[in-house]
Amino acid sequence: MNSTGPDSTGGGAGSGNRGRRIVLWRHGQTSWNLERRFQGSTDIALTGEGVSQARRAARLLASLKPDAIVASDLQRAAATAGELAALTGLEVTHDASLRETYAGAWQGLTHDEILAQYGEQYTAWKRGEPIRRGGGELETEVADRAAPVVLAHADKLVDGGTLVVVSHGGTIRTTIGRLLGLESYHWEGLGGLSNCCWSVLGEGARGWRLMEHNAGTLPEPVLGDDD
């Protein structure tokens, strides 16, 4: 599914199928999630339920025997990653490039407030236009900073290794779109991730493939596929 178009990373899996796997895991619940406030790069902590979500998910993900963990340095992602680190004994590498999209004036507003104050901008974004929501980052700029970090850590894996990336819904979606070589217009079609759910990219003969999306259970082998 990789391409050489303008939204492609142009690397990562091109050296051959090494059987690597990338698990992109969204952080647990925050109070702003409950209030439907746009968090963006605002540093909001997990709720008690968010911590419980992270612990439950970490027990599942630990059974995949990950080789490395990299996470956004925002506390909601860092705390989520910490639950997996506690079970696996792995150190977490924190990277600000994995933060959520900076959305300027939208940050801290509820969904209804965004519609009331920035309705035209919101509608244009939903149409797939390149919009700086609240004067912040373009989705392609988020992918520009996040996808190379993910690929760099994936490239360090042993053959058959697994990388867990703990980040945020928007950043994960744009990163998946970039690694699959999809044009940015189509990234919205991937859909969102629920709190503490994850998506899995597996390495195929022609690059990264989406194996699981918005999952809360362990990935199962695909039987009867075309390879």
C-alpha atoms as a PDB file:
ATOM      1  CA  MET A   1       0.000   0.000   0.000  1.00  0.00           C
ATOM      2  CA  ASN A   2       3.006   2.288   0.088  1.00  0.00           C
ATOM      3  CA  SER A   3       3.291   4.987  -2.542  1.00  0.00           C
ATOM      4  CA  THR A   4       5.842   7.487  -3.726  1.00  0.00           C
ATOM      5  CA  GLY A   5       3.358  10.380  -3.757  1.00  0.00           C
ATOM      6  CA  PRO A   6       3.743  13.666  -1.911  1.00  0.00           C
ATOM      7  CA  ASP A   7       2.405  12.241   1.363  1.00  0.00           C
ATOM      8  CA  SER A   8       4.687   9.184   1.419  1.00  0.00           C
ATOM      9  CA  THR A   9       7.525   8.767   3.894  1.00  0.00           C
ATOM     10  CA  GLY A  10       9.572   7.096   1.196  1.00  0.00           C
ATOM     11  CA  GLY A  11      11.156   4.620   3.595  1.00  0.00           C
ATOM     12  CA  GLY A  12      10.865   2.229   6.482  1.00  0.00           C
ATOM     13  CA  ALA A  13       9.936  -1.089   4.914  1.00  0.00           C
ATOM     14  CA  GLY A  14      11.615  -0.736   1.559  1.00  0.00           C
ATOM     15  CA  SER A  15      14.621  -2.841   2.537  1.00  0.00           C
ATOM     16  CA  GLY A  16      12.550  -6.013   2.528  1.00  0.00           C
ATOM     17  CA  ASN A  17      10.034  -7.769   4.732  1.00  0.00           C
ATOM     18  CA  ARG A  18      11.627  -8.198   8.144  1.00  0.00           C
ATOM     19  CA  GLY A  19       8.350  -9.173   9.798  1.00  0.00           C
ATOM     20  CA  ARG A  20       8.307  -6.214  12.156  1.00  0.00           C
ATOM     21  CA  ARG A  21       5.151  -4.904  13.854  1.00  0.00           C
ATOM     22  CA  ILE A  22       4.130  -1.448  15.079  1.00  0.00           C
ATOM     23  CA  VAL A  23       1.397  -1.085  17.707  1.00  0.00           C
ATOM     24  CA  LEU A  24       0.058   2.471  17.896  1.00  0.00           C
ATOM     25  CA  TRP A  25      -1.716   2.848  21.243  1.00  0.00           C
ATOM     26  CA  ARG A  26      -3.881   5.797  22.243  1.00  0.00           C
ATOM     27  CA  HIS A  27      -3.700   7.094  25.819  1.00  0.00           C
ATOM     28  CA  GLY A  28      -6.373   6.467  28.447  1.00  0.00           C
ATOM     29  CA  GLN A  29      -9.312   8.662  29.329  1.00  0.00           C
ATOM     30  CA  THR A  30      -8.922  12.256  30.537  1.00  0.00           C
ATOM     31  CA  SER A  31     -11.443  14.686  31.994  1.00  0.00           C
ATOM     32  CA  TRP A  32     -11.325  16.681  28.780  1.00  0.00           C
ATOM     33  CA  ASN A  33     -12.234  13.565  26.805  1.00  0.00           C
ATOM     34  CA  LEU A  34     -15.352  13.249  28.958  1.00  0.00           C
ATOM     35  CA  GLU A  35     -16.200  16.925  28.423  1.00  0.00           C
ATOM     36  CA  ARG A  36     -15.507  16.638  24.671  1.00  0.00           C
ATOM     37  CA  ARG A  37     -12.894  19.380  24.899  1.00  0.00           C
ATOM     38  CA  PHE A  38     -10.245  19.606  22.208  1.00  0.00           C
ATOM     39  CA  GLN A  39      -7.017  18.744  24.029  1.00  0.00           C
ATOM     40  CA  GLY A  40      -4.424  19.130  21.322  1.00  0.00           C
ATOM     41  CA  SER A  41      -1.028  19.772  22.902  1.00  0.00           C
ATOM     42  CA  THR A  42      -2.537  20.811  26.266  1.00  0.00           C
ATOM     43  CA  ASP A  43      -1.046  18.594  28.973  1.00  0.00           C
ATOM     44  CA  ILE A  44      -4.032  16.916  30.648  1.00  0.00           C
ATOM     45  CA  ALA A  45      -3.707  14.041  33.139  1.00  0.00           C
ATOM     46  CA  LEU A  46      -5.504  10.685  33.037  1.00  0.00           C
ATOM     47  CA  THR A  47      -8.639  10.207  35.104  1.00  0.00           C
ATOM     48  CA  GLY A  48      -8.821   7.285  37.537  1.00  0.00           C
ATOM     49  CA  GLU A  49     -10.696   5.382  34.843  1.00  0.00           C
ATOM     50  CA  GLY A  50      -7.973   6.305  32.363  1.00  0.00           C
ATOM     51  CA  VAL A  51      -5.353   4.731  34.618  1.00  0.00           C
ATOM     52  CA  SER A  52      -7.497   1.594  34.927  1.00  0.00           C
ATOM     53  CA  GLN A  53      -7.884   1.466  31.143  1.00  0.00           C
ATOM     54  CA  ALA A  54      -4.116   1.714  30.718  1.00  0.00           C
ATOM     55  CA  ARG A  55      -3.498  -1.098  33.189  1.00  0.00           C
ATOM     56  CA  ARG A  56      -6.010  -3.411  31.531  1.00  0.00           C
ATOM     57  CA  ALA A  57      -4.648  -2.714  28.060  1.00  0.00           C
ATOM     58  CA  ALA A  58      -1.046  -3.036  29.231  1.00  0.00           C
ATOM     59  CA  ARG A  59      -1.689  -6.585  30.435  1.00  0.00           C
ATOM     60  CA  LEU A  60      -2.826  -7.518  26.936  1.00  0.00           C
ATOM     61  CA  LEU A  61      -0.068  -5.688  25.099  1.00  0.00           C
ATOM     62  CA  ALA A  62       2.618  -7.139  27.370  1.00  0.00           C
ATOM     63  CA  SER A  63       1.704 -10.581  26.055  1.00  0.00           C
ATOM     64  CA  LEU A  64       2.894  -9.431  22.609  1.00  0.00           C
ATOM     65  CA  LYS A  65       6.393  -9.234  24.137  1.00  0.00           C
ATOM     66  CA  PRO A  66       7.247  -5.799  22.751  1.00  0.00           C
ATOM     67  CA  ASP A  67      10.889  -4.966  22.138  1.00  0.00           C
ATOM     68  CA  ALA A  68      10.627  -1.187  22.566  1.00  0.00           C
ATOM     69  CA  ILE A  69       8.235   1.528  23.750  1.00  0.00           C
ATOM     70  CA  VAL A  70       8.228   5.131  22.540  1.00  0.00           C
ATOM     71  CA  ALA A  71       5.705   7.694  23.738  1.00  0.00           C
ATOM     72  CA  SER A  72       4.598  11.278  23.556  1.00  0.00           C
ATOM     73  CA  ASP A  73       5.957  13.293  26.459  1.00  0.00           C
ATOM     74  CA  LEU A  74       2.507  14.644  27.377  1.00  0.00           C
ATOM     75  CA  GLN A  75       1.516  13.166  30.717  1.00  0.00           C
ATOM     76  CA  ARG A  76      -1.581  11.306  29.509  1.00  0.00           C
ATOM     77  CA  ALA A  77       0.521   9.328  27.032  1.00  0.00           C
ATOM     78  CA  ALA A  78       3.552   9.020  29.293  1.00  0.00           C
ATOM     79  CA  ALA A  79       1.440   7.613  32.139  1.00  0.00           C
ATOM     80  CA  THR A  80      -0.238   5.144  29.781  1.00  0.00           C
ATOM     81  CA  ALA A  81       3.146   3.988  28.486  1.00  0.00           C
ATOM     82  CA  GLY A  82       4.380   3.670  32.055  1.00  0.00           C
ATOM     83  CA  GLU A  83       1.844   0.934  32.779  1.00  0.00           C
ATOM     84  CA  LEU A  84       3.272  -1.205  29.974  1.00  0.00           C
ATOM     85  CA  ALA A  85       6.839  -0.407  30.994  1.00  0.00           C
ATOM     86  CA  ALA A  86       6.086  -1.605  34.534  1.00  0.00           C
ATOM     87  CA  LEU A  87       4.989  -5.000  33.214  1.00  0.00           C
ATOM     88  CA  THR A  88       7.687  -5.491  30.590  1.00  0.00           C
ATOM     89  CA  GLY A  89      10.716  -3.927  32.259  1.00  0.00           C
ATOM     90  CA  LEU A  90      11.328  -1.830  29.146  1.00  0.00           C
ATOM     91  CA  GLU A  91      12.354   1.808  29.345  1.00  0.00           C
ATOM     92  CA  VAL A  92      10.100   4.334  27.641  1.00  0.00           C
ATOM     93  CA  THR A  93      11.641   6.767  25.174  1.00  0.00           C
ATOM     94  CA  HIS A  94       9.666  10.034  25.274  1.00  0.00           C
ATOM     95  CA  ASP A  95       9.535  12.215  22.184  1.00  0.00           C
ATOM     96  CA  ALA A  96       7.722  15.543  21.817  1.00  0.00           C
ATOM     97  CA  SER A  97       7.288  14.809  18.101  1.00  0.00           C
ATOM     98  CA  LEU A  98       4.578  12.311  19.067  1.00  0.00           C
ATOM     99  CA  ARG A  99       2.398  14.958  20.747  1.00  0.00           C
ATOM    100  CA  GLU A 100      -1.152  15.575  19.611  1.00  0.00           C
ATOM    101  CA  THR A 101      -1.907  18.169  16.932  1.00  0.00           C
ATOM    102  CA  TYR A 102      -1.449  21.739  18.119  1.00  0.00           C
ATOM    103  CA  ALA A 103      -4.779  23.441  17.426  1.00  0.00           C
ATOM    104  CA  GLY A 104      -4.262  26.956  18.727  1.00  0.00           C
ATOM    105  CA  ALA A 105      -7.513  28.677  19.673  1.00  0.00           C
ATOM    106  CA  TRP A 106      -9.486  25.420  19.481  1.00  0.00           C
ATOM    107  CA  GLN A 107      -7.659  23.923  22.449  1.00  0.00           C
ATOM    108  CA  GLY A 108      -9.781  23.830  25.577  1.00  0.00           C
ATOM    109  CA  LEU A 109     -13.026  24.428  23.679  1.00  0.00           C
ATOM    110  CA  THR A 110     -15.839  21.890  23.649  1.00  0.00           C
ATOM    111  CA  HIS A 111     -17.101  20.438  20.391  1.00  0.00           C
ATOM    112  CA  ASP A 112     -20.179  22.677  20.535  1.00  0.00           C
ATOM    113  CA  GLU A 113     -18.054  25.766  21.207  1.00  0.00           C
ATOM    114  CA  ILE A 114     -15.860  24.982  18.211  1.00  0.00           C
ATOM    115  CA  LEU A 115     -18.916  24.640  15.987  1.00  0.00           C
ATOM    116  CA  ALA A 116     -20.327  27.929  17.300  1.00  0.00           C
ATOM    117  CA  GLN A 117     -17.112  29.940  16.995  1.00  0.00           C
ATOM    118  CA  TYR A 118     -15.312  28.247  14.106  1.00  0.00           C
ATOM    119  CA  GLY A 119     -18.107  26.539  12.199  1.00  0.00           C
ATOM    120  CA  GLU A 120     -16.840  27.359   8.706  1.00  0.00           C
ATOM    121  CA  GLN A 121     -13.324  26.258   9.573  1.00  0.00           C
ATOM    122  CA  TYR A 122     -14.609  23.015  11.084  1.00  0.00           C
ATOM    123  CA  THR A 123     -16.770  22.260   8.042  1.00  0.00           C
ATOM    124  CA  ALA A 124     -13.882  22.916   5.663  1.00  0.00           C
ATOM    125  CA  TRP A 125     -11.653  20.576   7.687  1.00  0.00           C
ATOM    126  CA  LYS A 126     -14.295  17.853   7.564  1.00  0.00           C
ATOM    127  CA  ARG A 127     -14.457  18.295   3.774  1.00  0.00           C
ATOM    128  CA  GLY A 128     -10.794  17.379   3.661  1.00  0.00           C
ATOM    129  CA  GLU A 129      -9.360  20.822   3.043  1.00  0.00           C
ATOM    130  CA  PRO A 130      -5.905  21.579   4.521  1.00  0.00           C
ATOM    131  CA  ILE A 131      -6.992  23.680   7.486  1.00  0.00           C
ATOM    132  CA  ARG A 132      -4.937  25.099  10.352  1.00  0.00           C
ATOM    133  CA  ARG A 133      -7.523  24.428  13.031  1.00  0.00           C
ATOM    134  CA  GLY A 134      -7.458  27.333  15.460  1.00  0.00           C
ATOM    135  CA  GLY A 135      -4.361  28.635  13.696  1.00  0.00           C
ATOM    136  CA  GLY A 136      -2.415  25.481  14.587  1.00  0.00           C
ATOM    137  CA  GLU A 137      -0.774  22.654  12.664  1.00  0.00           C
ATOM    138  CA  LEU A 138      -1.838  21.066   9.418  1.00  0.00           C
ATOM    139  CA  GLU A 139      -2.431  17.324   9.614  1.00  0.00           C
ATOM    140  CA  THR A 140       0.398  16.812   7.119  1.00  0.00           C
ATOM    141  CA  GLU A 141       2.737  18.721   9.445  1.00  0.00           C
ATOM    142  CA  VAL A 142       1.806  16.380  12.281  1.00  0.00           C
ATOM    143  CA  ALA A 143       2.675  13.420  10.070  1.00  0.00           C
ATOM    144  CA  ASP A 144       5.909  15.159   9.028  1.00  0.00           C
ATOM    145  CA  ARG A 145       7.109  15.198  12.641  1.00  0.00           C
ATOM    146  CA  ALA A 146       5.613  11.955  13.977  1.00  0.00           C
ATOM    147  CA  ALA A 147       5.990   9.383  11.188  1.00  0.00           C
ATOM    148  CA  PRO A 148       9.797   9.679  10.888  1.00  0.00           C
ATOM    149  CA  VAL A 149      10.141   9.092  14.648  1.00  0.00           C
ATOM    150  CA  VAL A 150       8.048   5.938  14.428  1.00  0.00           C
ATOM    151  CA  LEU A 151      10.023   4.670  11.436  1.00  0.00           C
ATOM    152  CA  ALA A 152      13.354   5.428  13.096  1.00  0.00           C
ATOM    153  CA  HIS A 153      12.414   3.324  16.126  1.00  0.00           C
ATOM    154  CA  ALA A 154      10.946   0.567  13.948  1.00  0.00           C
ATOM    155  CA  ASP A 155      14.180   0.406  11.980  1.00  0.00           C
ATOM    156  CA  LYS A 156      16.029  -0.456  15.211  1.00  0.00           C
ATOM    157  CA  LEU A 157      13.893  -3.545  15.809  1.00  0.00           C
ATOM    158  CA  VAL A 158      15.217  -7.034  15.326  1.00  0.00           C
ATOM    159  CA  ASP A 159      13.534  -9.054  12.583  1.00  0.00           C
ATOM    160  CA  GLY A 160      10.082 -10.002  13.826  1.00  0.00           C
ATOM    161  CA  GLY A 161      10.256  -7.358  16.579  1.00  0.00           C
ATOM    162  CA  THR A 162       7.397  -5.266  17.959  1.00  0.00           C
ATOM    163  CA  LEU A 163       7.396  -1.525  18.687  1.00  0.00           C
ATOM    164  CA  VAL A 164       4.682   0.056  20.843  1.00  0.00           C
ATOM    165  CA  VAL A 165       4.032   3.743  20.136  1.00  0.00           C
ATOM    166  CA  VAL A 166       1.924   5.530  22.768  1.00  0.00           C
ATOM    167  CA  SER A 167       0.427   8.693  21.370  1.00  0.00           C
ATOM    168  CA  HIS A 168      -2.820  10.524  20.613  1.00  0.00           C
ATOM    169  CA  GLY A 169      -5.792   9.912  18.339  1.00  0.00           C
ATOM    170  CA  GLY A 170      -5.068  12.524  15.691  1.00  0.00           C
ATOM    171  CA  THR A 171      -1.344  11.890  15.607  1.00  0.00           C
ATOM    172  CA  ILE A 172      -1.855   8.143  15.330  1.00  0.00           C
ATOM    173  CA  ARG A 173      -4.329   8.542  12.473  1.00  0.00           C
ATOM    174  CA  THR A 174      -2.053  10.828  10.471  1.00  0.00           C
ATOM    175  CA  THR A 175       0.951   8.596  11.129  1.00  0.00           C
ATOM    176  CA  ILE A 176      -0.898   5.504   9.953  1.00  0.00           C
ATOM    177  CA  GLY A 177      -2.017   7.330   6.825  1.00  0.00           C
ATOM    178  CA  ARG A 178       1.528   8.422   6.092  1.00  0.00           C
ATOM    179  CA  LEU A 179       3.055   4.970   6.672  1.00  0.00           C
ATOM    180  CA  LEU A 180       0.449   3.364   4.428  1.00  0.00           C
ATOM    181  CA  GLY A 181       1.223   5.893   1.702  1.00  0.00           C
ATOM    182  CA  LEU A 182      -2.334   7.248   1.600  1.00  0.00           C
ATOM    183  CA  GLU A 183      -2.984  10.754   0.325  1.00  0.00           C
ATOM    184  CA  SER A 184      -3.823  13.068   3.220  1.00  0.00           C
ATOM    185  CA  TYR A 185      -7.368  13.616   1.951  1.00  0.00           C
ATOM    186  CA  HIS A 186      -8.118   9.975   2.817  1.00  0.00           C
ATOM    187  CA  TRP A 187      -6.680   9.924   6.347  1.00  0.00           C
ATOM    188  CA  GLU A 188     -10.032  10.828   7.905  1.00  0.00           C
ATOM    189  CA  GLY A 189     -11.385   7.572   6.469  1.00  0.00           C
ATOM    190  CA  LEU A 190      -9.303   5.626   8.967  1.00  0.00           C
ATOM    191  CA  GLY A 191     -11.618   6.740  11.772  1.00  0.00           C
ATOM    192  CA  GLY A 192     -10.751   7.541  15.355  1.00  0.00           C
ATOM    193  CA  LEU A 193      -9.415   5.452  18.216  1.00  0.00           C
ATOM    194  CA  SER A 194     -11.223   4.980  21.508  1.00  0.00           C
ATOM    195  CA  ASN A 195      -9.305   5.659  24.707  1.00  0.00           C
ATOM    196  CA  CYS A 196      -6.613   3.025  25.281  1.00  0.00           C
ATOM    197  CA  CYS A 197      -7.365   1.195  22.027  1.00  0.00           C
ATOM    198  CA  TRP A 198      -4.691   0.588  19.435  1.00  0.00           C
ATOM    199  CA  SER A 199      -3.951  -0.115  15.794  1.00  0.00           C
ATOM    200  CA  VAL A 200      -1.402  -2.576  14.456  1.00  0.00           C
ATOM    201  CA  LEU A 201       0.767  -2.191  11.378  1.00  0.00           C
ATOM    202  CA  GLY A 202       2.509  -5.285  10.092  1.00  0.00           C
ATOM    203  CA  GLU A 203       5.323  -5.464   7.612  1.00  0.00           C
ATOM    204  CA  GLY A 204       4.395  -7.040   4.291  1.00  0.00           C
ATOM    205  CA  ALA A 205       6.240  -7.640   1.047  1.00  0.00           C
ATOM    206  CA  ARG A 206       5.308  -4.170  -0.253  1.00  0.00           C
ATOM    207  CA  GLY A 207       5.562  -2.194   2.961  1.00  0.00           C
ATOM    208  CA  TRP A 208       3.438  -1.530   6.027  1.00  0.00           C
ATOM    209  CA  ARG A 209      -0.090  -2.911   6.152  1.00  0.00           C
ATOM    210  CA  LEU A 210      -2.948  -2.112   8.534  1.00  0.00           C
ATOM    211  CA  MET A 211      -3.655  -5.333  10.411  1.00  0.00           C
ATOM    212  CA  GLU A 212      -5.912  -4.067  13.234  1.00  0.00           C
ATOM    213  CA  HIS A 213      -7.611  -0.714  13.836  1.00  0.00           C
ATOM    214  CA  ASN A 214      -9.226   0.639  17.010  1.00  0.00           C
ATOM    215  CA  ALA A 215      -8.698  -2.734  18.672  1.00  0.00           C
ATOM    216  CA  GLY A 216      -9.083  -3.561  22.334  1.00  0.00           C
ATOM    217  CA  THR A 217      -8.225  -7.236  22.063  1.00  0.00           C
ATOM    218  CA  LEU A 218      -5.106  -8.993  20.876  1.00  0.00           C
ATOM    219  CA  PRO A 219      -4.577  -9.249  17.106  1.00  0.00           C
ATOM    220  CA  GLU A 220      -5.433 -12.602  15.575  1.00  0.00           C
ATOM    221  CA  PRO A 221      -3.659 -14.137  12.569  1.00  0.00           C
ATOM    222  CA  VAL A 222      -5.383 -13.420   9.264  1.00  0.00           C
ATOM    223  CA  LEU A 223      -6.363 -16.727   7.732  1.00  0.00           C
ATOM    224  CA  GLY A 224      -7.082 -17.044   4.021  1.00  0.00           C
ATOM    225  CA  ASP A 225      -5.458 -13.746   3.089  1.00  0.00           C
ATOM    226  CA  ASP A 226      -3.879 -13.241  -0.325  1.00  0.00           C
ATOM    227  CA  ASP A 227      -0.241 -13.774   0.667  1.00  0.00           C
END
